[in-house]
Amino acid sequence: MTVDGVEEGLMAVVEFDNGTLGQVHDIYNAPHSLSGIEIIGSKGSISSPAAC
């Protein structure tokens, strides 16, 4: 996913010291897409759209 050699997005999986895994992804060129954060755990989840 590049335009003129510049990346348009990223994805990563992060493992914390306590073994918890986190996933991060972002796409820079998706028109009309919403931004926000979502945390999903074994006891529930929480999400919030980004303030624009």
PDB file of N, CA and C in Angstrom:
ATOM      1  N   MET A   1       0.831  -1.178   0.000  1.00  0.00           N
ATOM      2  CA  MET A   1       0.000   0.000   0.000  1.00  0.00           C
ATOM      3  C   MET A   1       0.877   1.243   0.000  1.00  0.00           C
ATOM      4  N   THR A   2       1.272   1.650  -1.165  1.00  0.00           N
ATOM      5  CA  THR A   2       2.105   2.841  -1.259  1.00  0.00           C
ATOM      6  C   THR A   2       1.653   3.726  -2.412  1.00  0.00           C
ATOM      7  N   VAL A   3       1.934   4.995  -2.285  1.00  0.00           N
ATOM      8  CA  VAL A   3       1.768   5.962  -3.369  1.00  0.00           C
ATOM      9  C   VAL A   3       3.095   6.687  -3.479  1.00  0.00           C
ATOM     10  N   ASP A   4       3.701   6.607  -4.627  1.00  0.00           N
ATOM     11  CA  ASP A   4       5.004   7.233  -4.846  1.00  0.00           C
ATOM     12  C   ASP A   4       6.024   6.813  -3.789  1.00  0.00           C
ATOM     13  N   GLY A   5       5.961   5.551  -3.365  1.00  0.00           N
ATOM     14  CA  GLY A   5       6.926   5.024  -2.395  1.00  0.00           C
ATOM     15  C   GLY A   5       6.655   5.380  -0.949  1.00  0.00           C
ATOM     16  N   VAL A   6       5.521   6.038  -0.658  1.00  0.00           N
ATOM     17  CA  VAL A   6       5.178   6.411   0.721  1.00  0.00           C
ATOM     18  C   VAL A   6       4.075   5.489   1.211  1.00  0.00           C
ATOM     19  N   GLU A   7       4.280   4.887   2.366  1.00  0.00           N
ATOM     20  CA  GLU A   7       3.290   3.979   2.935  1.00  0.00           C
ATOM     21  C   GLU A   7       1.984   4.706   3.223  1.00  0.00           C
ATOM     22  N   GLU A   8       0.866   4.039   2.987  1.00  0.00           N
ATOM     23  CA  GLU A   8      -0.454   4.600   3.238  1.00  0.00           C
ATOM     24  C   GLU A   8      -1.102   4.027   4.493  1.00  0.00           C
ATOM     25  N   GLY A   9      -0.485   3.079   5.115  1.00  0.00           N
ATOM     26  CA  GLY A   9      -1.076   2.467   6.292  1.00  0.00           C
ATOM     27  C   GLY A   9      -0.053   1.671   7.073  1.00  0.00           C
ATOM     28  N   LEU A  10      -0.486   1.209   8.234  1.00  0.00           N
ATOM     29  CA  LEU A  10       0.396   0.393   9.058  1.00  0.00           C
ATOM     30  C   LEU A  10      -0.426  -0.575   9.881  1.00  0.00           C
ATOM     31  N   MET A  11       0.202  -1.644  10.292  1.00  0.00           N
ATOM     32  CA  MET A  11      -0.405  -2.617  11.191  1.00  0.00           C
ATOM     33  C   MET A  11       0.704  -3.228  12.025  1.00  0.00           C
ATOM     34  N   ALA A  12       0.426  -3.409  13.309  1.00  0.00           N
ATOM     35  CA  ALA A  12       1.425  -4.002  14.201  1.00  0.00           C
ATOM     36  C   ALA A  12       0.724  -4.781  15.303  1.00  0.00           C
ATOM     37  N   VAL A  13       1.380  -5.800  15.791  1.00  0.00           N
ATOM     38  CA  VAL A  13       0.949  -6.523  16.984  1.00  0.00           C
ATOM     39  C   VAL A  13       2.025  -6.299  18.033  1.00  0.00           C
ATOM     40  N   VAL A  14       1.609  -5.864  19.221  1.00  0.00           N
ATOM     41  CA  VAL A  14       2.531  -5.527  20.303  1.00  0.00           C
ATOM     42  C   VAL A  14       2.289  -6.487  21.457  1.00  0.00           C
ATOM     43  N   GLU A  15       3.353  -7.072  22.000  1.00  0.00           N
ATOM     44  CA  GLU A  15       3.235  -7.910  23.189  1.00  0.00           C
ATOM     45  C   GLU A  15       3.842  -7.168  24.370  1.00  0.00           C
ATOM     46  N   PHE A  16       3.028  -6.949  25.405  1.00  0.00           N
ATOM     47  CA  PHE A  16       3.476  -6.263  26.601  1.00  0.00           C
ATOM     48  C   PHE A  16       4.197  -7.226  27.535  1.00  0.00           C
ATOM     49  N   ASP A  17       4.920  -6.693  28.528  1.00  0.00           N
ATOM     50  CA  ASP A  17       5.698  -7.507  29.460  1.00  0.00           C
ATOM     51  C   ASP A  17       4.857  -8.567  30.167  1.00  0.00           C
ATOM     52  N   ASN A  18       3.573  -8.272  30.421  1.00  0.00           N
ATOM     53  CA  ASN A  18       2.725  -9.234  31.128  1.00  0.00           C
ATOM     54  C   ASN A  18       2.072 -10.251  30.196  1.00  0.00           C
ATOM     55  N   GLY A  19       2.431 -10.244  28.913  1.00  0.00           N
ATOM     56  CA  GLY A  19       1.905 -11.208  27.955  1.00  0.00           C
ATOM     57  C   GLY A  19       0.680 -10.729  27.187  1.00  0.00           C
ATOM     58  N   THR A  20       0.136  -9.585  27.549  1.00  0.00           N
ATOM     59  CA  THR A  20      -1.022  -9.030  26.849  1.00  0.00           C
ATOM     60  C   THR A  20      -0.632  -8.634  25.432  1.00  0.00           C
ATOM     61  N   LEU A  21      -1.497  -8.961  24.474  1.00  0.00           N
ATOM     62  CA  LEU A  21      -1.255  -8.598  23.088  1.00  0.00           C
ATOM     63  C   LEU A  21      -2.116  -7.400  22.715  1.00  0.00           C
ATOM     64  N   GLY A  22      -1.550  -6.506  21.940  1.00  0.00           N
ATOM     65  CA  GLY A  22      -2.280  -5.356  21.418  1.00  0.00           C
ATOM     66  C   GLY A  22      -2.115  -5.295  19.918  1.00  0.00           C
ATOM     67  N   GLN A  23      -3.154  -4.853  19.230  1.00  0.00           N
ATOM     68  CA  GLN A  23      -3.106  -4.717  17.773  1.00  0.00           C
ATOM     69  C   GLN A  23      -3.357  -3.259  17.423  1.00  0.00           C
ATOM     70  N   VAL A  24      -2.543  -2.726  16.529  1.00  0.00           N
ATOM     71  CA  VAL A  24      -2.659  -1.345  16.087  1.00  0.00           C
ATOM     72  C   VAL A  24      -2.771  -1.349  14.568  1.00  0.00           C
ATOM     73  N   HIS A  25      -3.728  -0.595  14.028  1.00  0.00           N
ATOM     74  CA  HIS A  25      -3.778  -0.451  12.575  1.00  0.00           C
ATOM     75  C   HIS A  25      -4.327   0.916  12.229  1.00  0.00           C
ATOM     76  N   ASP A  26      -3.833   1.446  11.123  1.00  0.00           N
ATOM     77  CA  ASP A  26      -4.244   2.764  10.669  1.00  0.00           C
ATOM     78  C   ASP A  26      -4.063   2.835   9.162  1.00  0.00           C
ATOM     79  N   ILE A  27      -4.998   3.482   8.502  1.00  0.00           N
ATOM     80  CA  ILE A  27      -4.911   3.716   7.060  1.00  0.00           C
ATOM     81  C   ILE A  27      -5.094   5.207   6.844  1.00  0.00           C
ATOM     82  N   TYR A  28      -4.198   5.802   6.088  1.00  0.00           N
ATOM     83  CA  TYR A  28      -4.176   7.248   5.939  1.00  0.00           C
ATOM     84  C   TYR A  28      -5.001   7.766   4.768  1.00  0.00           C
ATOM     85  N   ASN A  29      -5.406   6.910   3.868  1.00  0.00           N
ATOM     86  CA  ASN A  29      -6.047   7.394   2.640  1.00  0.00           C
ATOM     87  C   ASN A  29      -7.480   6.897   2.474  1.00  0.00           C
ATOM     88  N   ALA A  30      -8.138   6.470   3.540  1.00  0.00           N
ATOM     89  CA  ALA A  30      -9.497   5.952   3.433  1.00  0.00           C
ATOM     90  C   ALA A  30     -10.497   7.102   3.559  1.00  0.00           C
ATOM     91  N   PRO A  31     -11.104   7.519   2.455  1.00  0.00           N
ATOM     92  CA  PRO A  31     -12.046   8.634   2.532  1.00  0.00           C
ATOM     93  C   PRO A  31     -13.273   8.268   3.358  1.00  0.00           C
ATOM     94  N   HIS A  32     -13.757   9.197   4.119  1.00  0.00           N
ATOM     95  CA  HIS A  32     -14.976   9.057   4.917  1.00  0.00           C
ATOM     96  C   HIS A  32     -14.857   8.029   6.037  1.00  0.00           C
ATOM     97  N   SER A  33     -13.658   7.606   6.360  1.00  0.00           N
ATOM     98  CA  SER A  33     -13.505   6.638   7.450  1.00  0.00           C
ATOM     99  C   SER A  33     -13.494   7.374   8.782  1.00  0.00           C
ATOM    100  N   LEU A  34     -13.904   6.683   9.810  1.00  0.00           N
ATOM    101  CA  LEU A  34     -13.947   7.249  11.150  1.00  0.00           C
ATOM    102  C   LEU A  34     -12.709   6.851  11.923  1.00  0.00           C
ATOM    103  N   SER A  35     -12.269   7.721  12.799  1.00  0.00           N
ATOM    104  CA  SER A  35     -11.132   7.421  13.659  1.00  0.00           C
ATOM    105  C   SER A  35     -11.646   7.153  15.067  1.00  0.00           C
ATOM    106  N   GLY A  36     -10.868   6.466  15.838  1.00  0.00           N
ATOM    107  CA  GLY A  36     -11.249   6.211  17.214  1.00  0.00           C
ATOM    108  C   GLY A  36     -10.338   5.193  17.850  1.00  0.00           C
ATOM    109  N   ILE A  37     -10.751   4.747  19.010  1.00  0.00           N
ATOM    110  CA  ILE A  37      -9.991   3.732  19.729  1.00  0.00           C
ATOM    111  C   ILE A  37     -10.970   2.698  20.267  1.00  0.00           C
ATOM    112  N   GLU A  38     -10.543   1.458  20.264  1.00  0.00           N
ATOM    113  CA  GLU A  38     -11.359   0.376  20.805  1.00  0.00           C
ATOM    114  C   GLU A  38     -10.447  -0.543  21.598  1.00  0.00           C
ATOM    115  N   ILE A  39     -10.849  -0.847  22.812  1.00  0.00           N
ATOM    116  CA  ILE A  39     -10.098  -1.771  23.659  1.00  0.00           C
ATOM    117  C   ILE A  39     -11.019  -2.948  23.962  1.00  0.00           C
ATOM    118  N   ILE A  40     -10.556  -4.142  23.641  1.00  0.00           N
ATOM    119  CA  ILE A  40     -11.347  -5.353  23.842  1.00  0.00           C
ATOM    120  C   ILE A  40     -10.603  -6.246  24.818  1.00  0.00           C
ATOM    121  N   GLY A  41     -11.270  -6.633  25.882  1.00  0.00           N
ATOM    122  CA  GLY A  41     -10.655  -7.484  26.891  1.00  0.00           C
ATOM    123  C   GLY A  41     -11.510  -8.699  27.181  1.00  0.00           C
ATOM    124  N   SER A  42     -11.036  -9.544  28.060  1.00  0.00           N
ATOM    125  CA  SER A  42     -11.751 -10.775  28.391  1.00  0.00           C
ATOM    126  C   SER A  42     -13.032 -10.502  29.182  1.00  0.00           C
ATOM    127  N   LYS A  43     -13.144  -9.322  29.798  1.00  0.00           N
ATOM    128  CA  LYS A  43     -14.326  -8.998  30.599  1.00  0.00           C
ATOM    129  C   LYS A  43     -15.230  -7.956  29.938  1.00  0.00           C
ATOM    130  N   GLY A  44     -14.899  -7.515  28.736  1.00  0.00           N
ATOM    131  CA  GLY A  44     -15.729  -6.528  28.053  1.00  0.00           C
ATOM    132  C   GLY A  44     -14.926  -5.702  27.091  1.00  0.00           C
ATOM    133  N   SER A  45     -15.543  -4.656  26.568  1.00  0.00           N
ATOM    134  CA  SER A  45     -14.858  -3.777  25.627  1.00  0.00           C
ATOM    135  C   SER A  45     -15.335  -2.335  25.845  1.00  0.00           C
ATOM    136  N   ILE A  46     -14.539  -1.426  25.327  1.00  0.00           N
ATOM    137  CA  ILE A  46     -14.867   0.001  25.382  1.00  0.00           C
ATOM    138  C   ILE A  46     -14.371   0.626  24.090  1.00  0.00           C
ATOM    139  N   SER A  47     -15.144   1.567  23.560  1.00  0.00           N
ATOM    140  CA  SER A  47     -14.712   2.246  22.333  1.00  0.00           C
ATOM    141  C   SER A  47     -15.132   3.711  22.406  1.00  0.00           C
ATOM    142  N   SER A  48     -14.390   4.520  21.668  1.00  0.00           N
ATOM    143  CA  SER A  48     -14.663   5.944  21.630  1.00  0.00           C
ATOM    144  C   SER A  48     -14.225   6.490  20.286  1.00  0.00           C
ATOM    145  N   PRO A  49     -15.112   7.218  19.598  1.00  0.00           N
ATOM    146  CA  PRO A  49     -14.678   7.867  18.358  1.00  0.00           C
ATOM    147  C   PRO A  49     -13.752   9.033  18.686  1.00  0.00           C
ATOM    148  N   ALA A  50     -12.887   9.343  17.751  1.00  0.00           N
ATOM    149  CA  ALA A  50     -11.975  10.469  17.936  1.00  0.00           C
ATOM    150  C   ALA A  50     -12.742  11.777  17.850  1.00  0.00           C
ATOM    151  N   ALA A  51     -12.338  12.742  18.640  1.00  0.00           N
ATOM    152  CA  ALA A  51     -12.940  14.070  18.569  1.00  0.00           C
ATOM    153  C   ALA A  51     -12.382  14.794  17.358  1.00  0.00           C
ATOM    154  N   CYS A  52     -13.238  15.314  16.531  1.00  0.00           N
ATOM    155  CA  CYS A  52     -12.798  16.020  15.309  1.00  0.00           C
ATOM    156  C   CYS A  52     -13.020  17.488  15.450  1.00  0.00           C
TER     157      CYS A  52
END
